[in-house]
Amino acid sequence: MTHAVHDLVIRSVDPVDPDELTDLVAAAMHDGPIARWLQPDDDVRHAASPDYFAIFIEHAVRHGEIYVTKDGTGRLTGAALWFPLTAALPSPIDYERRLKEIAGEAHDRMCLLDAVMEAEHPTTPHHYLAFLAVRPDEQSLGLGSTLLRRHHRRLDAAGLPAYLEANDPRNRDLYLRHGYQVRSVIDLPDGPPLWTMWRSPMD
């Protein structure tokens, strides 16, 4: 079957349903290595993931830049959530309270993850890729690369670097192919590595 999706990348200036976007990101990420480390119980993790990711989706709608891909029926198949960190941004609204309500027994690990990621985050002006998510049944079709190239063109034209954290070797290798370099490796206690990665603007 041919997937006619690669040219259907849009900017967040068009309305994107936050609930649909949250469902997409949760479906793509709730079984990843970091998610499993945060909450090993599958049922608890799957139930809590939408509320957890909704915090960041809402924040991206207000302060970030969102790119999505859609299939021929209009269903979201992929999304990239960027934050332009060329000036200070506020934290997500009511973040600490919402995180505590959602996290349950995973709260300490979520706070640890936030702390180590913040400690490694560069202060040089850049754009931060918070999430690159593709539905499990649409992966390996080039959607992630399509989404990356769309924003990289703007960054290169503006002379701005990009930063992200890769949470598994497959994602890390994808980013390496798009010009990122490993900046450091975060070793979580009894958990998977998290690669911090930096991409300088290209001519």
C-alpha atoms as a PDB file:
ATOM      1  CA  MET A   1       0.000   0.000   0.000  1.00  0.00           C
ATOM      2  CA  THR A   2       1.286   3.471  -0.840  1.00  0.00           C
ATOM      3  CA  HIS A   3       1.314   5.955   2.028  1.00  0.00           C
ATOM      4  CA  ALA A   4       0.727   9.442   0.614  1.00  0.00           C
ATOM      5  CA  VAL A   5       1.815  11.311   3.698  1.00  0.00           C
ATOM      6  CA  HIS A   6       5.272  12.714   3.139  1.00  0.00           C
ATOM      7  CA  ASP A   7       4.084  15.970   1.574  1.00  0.00           C
ATOM      8  CA  LEU A   8       1.413  16.589   4.199  1.00  0.00           C
ATOM      9  CA  VAL A   9       3.599  18.370   6.719  1.00  0.00           C
ATOM     10  CA  ILE A  10       1.932  21.445   8.171  1.00  0.00           C
ATOM     11  CA  ARG A  11       2.834  24.160  10.634  1.00  0.00           C
ATOM     12  CA  SER A  12       1.091  24.799  13.914  1.00  0.00           C
ATOM     13  CA  VAL A  13      -0.372  28.026  12.516  1.00  0.00           C
ATOM     14  CA  ASP A  14      -3.151  25.695  11.347  1.00  0.00           C
ATOM     15  CA  PRO A  15      -5.355  24.359  14.154  1.00  0.00           C
ATOM     16  CA  VAL A  16      -4.169  21.062  15.593  1.00  0.00           C
ATOM     17  CA  ASP A  17      -6.476  19.197  17.974  1.00  0.00           C
ATOM     18  CA  PRO A  18      -4.509  18.928  21.259  1.00  0.00           C
ATOM     19  CA  ASP A  19      -6.377  15.756  22.245  1.00  0.00           C
ATOM     20  CA  GLU A  20      -5.547  14.036  18.965  1.00  0.00           C
ATOM     21  CA  LEU A  21      -1.956  15.184  19.247  1.00  0.00           C
ATOM     22  CA  THR A  22      -1.762  13.866  22.813  1.00  0.00           C
ATOM     23  CA  ASP A  23      -3.117  10.485  21.709  1.00  0.00           C
ATOM     24  CA  LEU A  24      -0.483  10.319  18.957  1.00  0.00           C
ATOM     25  CA  VAL A  25       2.445  11.178  21.239  1.00  0.00           C
ATOM     26  CA  ALA A  26       1.266   8.773  23.944  1.00  0.00           C
ATOM     27  CA  ALA A  27       0.851   5.943  21.438  1.00  0.00           C
ATOM     28  CA  ALA A  28       4.325   6.555  20.046  1.00  0.00           C
ATOM     29  CA  MET A  29       6.130   6.930  23.365  1.00  0.00           C
ATOM     30  CA  HIS A  30       4.387   5.117  26.190  1.00  0.00           C
ATOM     31  CA  ASP A  31       6.351   1.909  25.596  1.00  0.00           C
ATOM     32  CA  GLY A  32       9.750   3.528  25.039  1.00  0.00           C
ATOM     33  CA  PRO A  33      12.710   2.744  27.299  1.00  0.00           C
ATOM     34  CA  ILE A  34      12.406   5.951  29.340  1.00  0.00           C
ATOM     35  CA  ALA A  35       8.652   5.473  29.811  1.00  0.00           C
ATOM     36  CA  ARG A  36       9.194   1.884  30.978  1.00  0.00           C
ATOM     37  CA  TRP A  37      11.890   3.051  33.374  1.00  0.00           C
ATOM     38  CA  LEU A  38       9.599   5.723  34.809  1.00  0.00           C
ATOM     39  CA  GLN A  39       6.697   3.285  35.267  1.00  0.00           C
ATOM     40  CA  PRO A  40       7.374  -0.446  34.741  1.00  0.00           C
ATOM     41  CA  ASP A  41       3.715  -1.444  35.178  1.00  0.00           C
ATOM     42  CA  ASP A  42       2.230  -1.540  31.654  1.00  0.00           C
ATOM     43  CA  ASP A  43      -1.380  -0.924  32.682  1.00  0.00           C
ATOM     44  CA  VAL A  44      -0.547   1.991  34.974  1.00  0.00           C
ATOM     45  CA  ARG A  45       1.811   3.516  32.409  1.00  0.00           C
ATOM     46  CA  HIS A  46      -0.670   3.277  29.540  1.00  0.00           C
ATOM     47  CA  ALA A  47      -3.444   4.782  31.654  1.00  0.00           C
ATOM     48  CA  ALA A  48      -1.322   7.722  32.858  1.00  0.00           C
ATOM     49  CA  SER A  49       0.585   8.492  29.641  1.00  0.00           C
ATOM     50  CA  PRO A  50      -2.052  10.698  27.957  1.00  0.00           C
ATOM     51  CA  ASP A  51      -2.345  12.979  31.001  1.00  0.00           C
ATOM     52  CA  TYR A  52       1.449  13.179  31.301  1.00  0.00           C
ATOM     53  CA  PHE A  53       2.030  14.071  27.660  1.00  0.00           C
ATOM     54  CA  ALA A  54      -0.935  16.471  27.648  1.00  0.00           C
ATOM     55  CA  ILE A  55       1.071  18.789  29.908  1.00  0.00           C
ATOM     56  CA  PHE A  56       3.735  19.210  27.230  1.00  0.00           C
ATOM     57  CA  ILE A  57       1.297  19.315  24.332  1.00  0.00           C
ATOM     58  CA  GLU A  58      -0.538  22.235  25.937  1.00  0.00           C
ATOM     59  CA  HIS A  59       2.793  23.958  26.559  1.00  0.00           C
ATOM     60  CA  ALA A  60       3.857  23.453  22.935  1.00  0.00           C
ATOM     61  CA  VAL A  61       0.560  24.818  21.627  1.00  0.00           C
ATOM     62  CA  ARG A  62       1.146  27.990  23.651  1.00  0.00           C
ATOM     63  CA  HIS A  63       4.881  28.468  23.274  1.00  0.00           C
ATOM     64  CA  GLY A  64       6.294  26.022  20.751  1.00  0.00           C
ATOM     65  CA  GLU A  65       6.192  25.114  17.091  1.00  0.00           C
ATOM     66  CA  ILE A  66       4.395  21.960  16.013  1.00  0.00           C
ATOM     67  CA  TYR A  67       4.733  20.060  12.764  1.00  0.00           C
ATOM     68  CA  VAL A  68       2.543  17.097  11.908  1.00  0.00           C
ATOM     69  CA  THR A  69       2.052  14.545   9.156  1.00  0.00           C
ATOM     70  CA  LYS A  70      -1.354  13.172   8.211  1.00  0.00           C
ATOM     71  CA  ASP A  71      -2.500  10.216   6.168  1.00  0.00           C
ATOM     72  CA  GLY A  72      -5.084  10.309   3.392  1.00  0.00           C
ATOM     73  CA  THR A  73      -7.959  10.216   5.888  1.00  0.00           C
ATOM     74  CA  GLY A  74      -6.666  13.191   7.857  1.00  0.00           C
ATOM     75  CA  ARG A  75      -5.454  11.091  10.807  1.00  0.00           C
ATOM     76  CA  LEU A  76      -2.307  12.377  12.471  1.00  0.00           C
ATOM     77  CA  THR A  77       0.554   9.976  11.831  1.00  0.00           C
ATOM     78  CA  GLY A  78       3.562  11.916  13.128  1.00  0.00           C
ATOM     79  CA  ALA A  79       4.463  15.051  15.045  1.00  0.00           C
ATOM     80  CA  ALA A  80       7.494  17.106  16.004  1.00  0.00           C
ATOM     81  CA  LEU A  81       7.252  19.499  18.955  1.00  0.00           C
ATOM     82  CA  TRP A  82       9.898  22.213  19.014  1.00  0.00           C
ATOM     83  CA  PHE A  83      10.548  24.974  21.524  1.00  0.00           C
ATOM     84  CA  PRO A  84      12.487  28.051  20.330  1.00  0.00           C
ATOM     85  CA  LEU A  85      14.865  28.630  23.239  1.00  0.00           C
ATOM     86  CA  THR A  86      16.267  31.885  21.942  1.00  0.00           C
ATOM     87  CA  ALA A  87      14.726  33.644  24.960  1.00  0.00           C
ATOM     88  CA  ALA A  88      13.402  32.495  28.324  1.00  0.00           C
ATOM     89  CA  LEU A  89      10.178  30.476  28.257  1.00  0.00           C
ATOM     90  CA  PRO A  90       7.830  29.918  31.200  1.00  0.00           C
ATOM     91  CA  SER A  91       7.364  26.458  32.653  1.00  0.00           C
ATOM     92  CA  PRO A  92       4.217  24.494  31.795  1.00  0.00           C
ATOM     93  CA  ILE A  93       1.202  25.833  33.669  1.00  0.00           C
ATOM     94  CA  ASP A  94       0.826  24.330  37.158  1.00  0.00           C
ATOM     95  CA  TYR A  95       3.484  21.786  36.260  1.00  0.00           C
ATOM     96  CA  GLU A  96       4.506  20.548  39.709  1.00  0.00           C
ATOM     97  CA  ARG A  97       0.947  19.980  40.913  1.00  0.00           C
ATOM     98  CA  ARG A  98      -0.156  18.245  37.723  1.00  0.00           C
ATOM     99  CA  LEU A  99       2.938  16.048  37.667  1.00  0.00           C
ATOM    100  CA  LYS A 100       2.387  14.963  41.258  1.00  0.00           C
ATOM    101  CA  GLU A 101      -1.246  14.081  40.557  1.00  0.00           C
ATOM    102  CA  ILE A 102      -0.334  12.057  37.465  1.00  0.00           C
ATOM    103  CA  ALA A 103       2.900  10.400  38.524  1.00  0.00           C
ATOM    104  CA  GLY A 104       1.885   8.288  41.505  1.00  0.00           C
ATOM    105  CA  GLU A 105       4.786   6.061  42.531  1.00  0.00           C
ATOM    106  CA  ALA A 106       6.783   7.260  39.504  1.00  0.00           C
ATOM    107  CA  HIS A 107       6.972  10.815  40.887  1.00  0.00           C
ATOM    108  CA  ASP A 108      10.534  10.607  42.240  1.00  0.00           C
ATOM    109  CA  ARG A 109      11.838   9.207  38.965  1.00  0.00           C
ATOM    110  CA  MET A 110      10.020  11.857  36.955  1.00  0.00           C
ATOM    111  CA  CYS A 111      11.557  14.576  39.106  1.00  0.00           C
ATOM    112  CA  LEU A 112      14.994  12.969  38.736  1.00  0.00           C
ATOM    113  CA  LEU A 113      14.571  12.815  34.964  1.00  0.00           C
ATOM    114  CA  ASP A 114      13.595  16.495  34.853  1.00  0.00           C
ATOM    115  CA  ALA A 115      16.600  17.426  37.000  1.00  0.00           C
ATOM    116  CA  VAL A 116      19.236  15.558  35.004  1.00  0.00           C
ATOM    117  CA  MET A 117      17.829  16.797  31.698  1.00  0.00           C
ATOM    118  CA  GLU A 118      17.811  20.383  32.952  1.00  0.00           C
ATOM    119  CA  ALA A 119      21.390  20.045  34.224  1.00  0.00           C
ATOM    120  CA  GLU A 120      22.583  18.946  30.766  1.00  0.00           C
ATOM    121  CA  HIS A 121      20.514  21.406  28.750  1.00  0.00           C
ATOM    122  CA  PRO A 122      22.678  23.993  26.963  1.00  0.00           C
ATOM    123  CA  THR A 123      22.164  27.684  27.598  1.00  0.00           C
ATOM    124  CA  THR A 124      23.244  28.831  24.122  1.00  0.00           C
ATOM    125  CA  PRO A 125      20.249  30.043  22.061  1.00  0.00           C
ATOM    126  CA  HIS A 126      18.813  27.111  20.098  1.00  0.00           C
ATOM    127  CA  HIS A 127      15.649  25.248  19.205  1.00  0.00           C
ATOM    128  CA  TYR A 128      14.801  22.253  21.376  1.00  0.00           C
ATOM    129  CA  LEU A 129      13.113  19.173  19.940  1.00  0.00           C
ATOM    130  CA  ALA A 130      11.064  17.958  22.885  1.00  0.00           C
ATOM    131  CA  PHE A 131       9.256  15.130  21.049  1.00  0.00           C
ATOM    132  CA  LEU A 132       9.473  13.447  17.673  1.00  0.00           C
ATOM    133  CA  ALA A 133       6.603  10.961  17.590  1.00  0.00           C
ATOM    134  CA  VAL A 134       5.363   8.620  14.862  1.00  0.00           C
ATOM    135  CA  ARG A 135       2.513   6.152  15.295  1.00  0.00           C
ATOM    136  CA  PRO A 136       3.856   2.604  15.736  1.00  0.00           C
ATOM    137  CA  ASP A 137       2.079   1.371  12.593  1.00  0.00           C
ATOM    138  CA  GLU A 138       3.576   4.217  10.530  1.00  0.00           C
ATOM    139  CA  GLN A 139       7.204   3.907  11.621  1.00  0.00           C
ATOM    140  CA  SER A 140      10.075   3.126   9.234  1.00  0.00           C
ATOM    141  CA  LEU A 141       8.318   5.052   6.427  1.00  0.00           C
ATOM    142  CA  GLY A 142      10.460   8.166   6.608  1.00  0.00           C
ATOM    143  CA  LEU A 143       8.014  10.361   8.518  1.00  0.00           C
ATOM    144  CA  GLY A 144      10.506  11.219  11.247  1.00  0.00           C
ATOM    145  CA  SER A 145      13.055  12.338   8.658  1.00  0.00           C
ATOM    146  CA  THR A 146      10.399  14.368   6.838  1.00  0.00           C
ATOM    147  CA  LEU A 147       9.487  16.189  10.034  1.00  0.00           C
ATOM    148  CA  LEU A 148      13.119  16.848  10.915  1.00  0.00           C
ATOM    149  CA  ARG A 149      14.044  18.214   7.502  1.00  0.00           C
ATOM    150  CA  ARG A 150      11.078  20.605   7.561  1.00  0.00           C
ATOM    151  CA  HIS A 151      12.327  22.448  10.621  1.00  0.00           C
ATOM    152  CA  HIS A 152      16.028  22.049   9.936  1.00  0.00           C
ATOM    153  CA  ARG A 153      15.616  24.105   6.766  1.00  0.00           C
ATOM    154  CA  ARG A 154      14.343  27.009   8.852  1.00  0.00           C
ATOM    155  CA  LEU A 155      17.083  26.609  11.456  1.00  0.00           C
ATOM    156  CA  ASP A 156      19.810  26.503   8.826  1.00  0.00           C
ATOM    157  CA  ALA A 157      18.430  29.603   7.126  1.00  0.00           C
ATOM    158  CA  ALA A 158      18.421  31.417  10.477  1.00  0.00           C
ATOM    159  CA  GLY A 159      21.829  30.086  11.558  1.00  0.00           C
ATOM    160  CA  LEU A 160      20.381  28.426  14.667  1.00  0.00           C
ATOM    161  CA  PRO A 161      21.471  25.150  16.286  1.00  0.00           C
ATOM    162  CA  ALA A 162      19.175  22.397  17.572  1.00  0.00           C
ATOM    163  CA  TYR A 163      19.245  20.235  20.687  1.00  0.00           C
ATOM    164  CA  LEU A 164      17.436  17.068  21.767  1.00  0.00           C
ATOM    165  CA  GLU A 165      17.653  13.949  23.901  1.00  0.00           C
ATOM    166  CA  ALA A 166      17.544  10.545  22.183  1.00  0.00           C
ATOM    167  CA  ASN A 167      16.071   7.749  24.271  1.00  0.00           C
ATOM    168  CA  ASP A 168      17.116   4.669  22.309  1.00  0.00           C
ATOM    169  CA  PRO A 169      19.868   3.674  19.849  1.00  0.00           C
ATOM    170  CA  ARG A 170      17.519   3.677  16.863  1.00  0.00           C
ATOM    171  CA  ASN A 171      16.465   7.274  17.490  1.00  0.00           C
ATOM    172  CA  ARG A 172      20.061   8.276  18.195  1.00  0.00           C
ATOM    173  CA  ASP A 173      21.158   6.847  14.844  1.00  0.00           C
ATOM    174  CA  LEU A 174      18.334   8.696  13.047  1.00  0.00           C
ATOM    175  CA  TYR A 175      19.512  11.983  14.510  1.00  0.00           C
ATOM    176  CA  LEU A 176      23.135  11.216  13.662  1.00  0.00           C
ATOM    177  CA  ARG A 177      22.074  10.863  10.019  1.00  0.00           C
ATOM    178  CA  HIS A 178      20.512  14.336  10.203  1.00  0.00           C
ATOM    179  CA  GLY A 179      23.660  16.101  11.373  1.00  0.00           C
ATOM    180  CA  TYR A 180      23.410  15.769  15.163  1.00  0.00           C
ATOM    181  CA  GLN A 181      26.372  14.832  17.318  1.00  0.00           C
ATOM    182  CA  VAL A 182      26.300  13.192  20.732  1.00  0.00           C
ATOM    183  CA  ARG A 183      27.048  15.835  23.333  1.00  0.00           C
ATOM    184  CA  SER A 184      26.832  13.681  26.479  1.00  0.00           C
ATOM    185  CA  VAL A 185      25.252  10.512  27.814  1.00  0.00           C
ATOM    186  CA  ILE A 186      22.952  10.614  30.840  1.00  0.00           C
ATOM    187  CA  ASP A 187      23.071   7.396  32.866  1.00  0.00           C
ATOM    188  CA  LEU A 188      19.841   6.983  34.818  1.00  0.00           C
ATOM    189  CA  PRO A 189      19.955   4.821  37.965  1.00  0.00           C
ATOM    190  CA  ASP A 190      19.035   1.257  36.928  1.00  0.00           C
ATOM    191  CA  GLY A 191      17.741   2.761  33.699  1.00  0.00           C
ATOM    192  CA  PRO A 192      18.527   3.229  30.012  1.00  0.00           C
ATOM    193  CA  PRO A 193      21.021   5.760  28.665  1.00  0.00           C
ATOM    194  CA  LEU A 194      19.789   9.081  27.372  1.00  0.00           C
ATOM    195  CA  TRP A 195      21.902  10.692  24.664  1.00  0.00           C
ATOM    196  CA  THR A 196      21.966  14.496  24.544  1.00  0.00           C
ATOM    197  CA  MET A 197      22.570  15.659  20.963  1.00  0.00           C
ATOM    198  CA  TRP A 198      23.441  18.932  19.259  1.00  0.00           C
ATOM    199  CA  ARG A 199      23.137  19.994  15.643  1.00  0.00           C
ATOM    200  CA  SER A 200      24.996  23.037  14.374  1.00  0.00           C
ATOM    201  CA  PRO A 201      23.384  24.968  11.511  1.00  0.00           C
ATOM    202  CA  MET A 202      24.452  23.872   8.049  1.00  0.00           C
ATOM    203  CA  ASP A 203      25.140  25.956   4.980  1.00  0.00           C
END
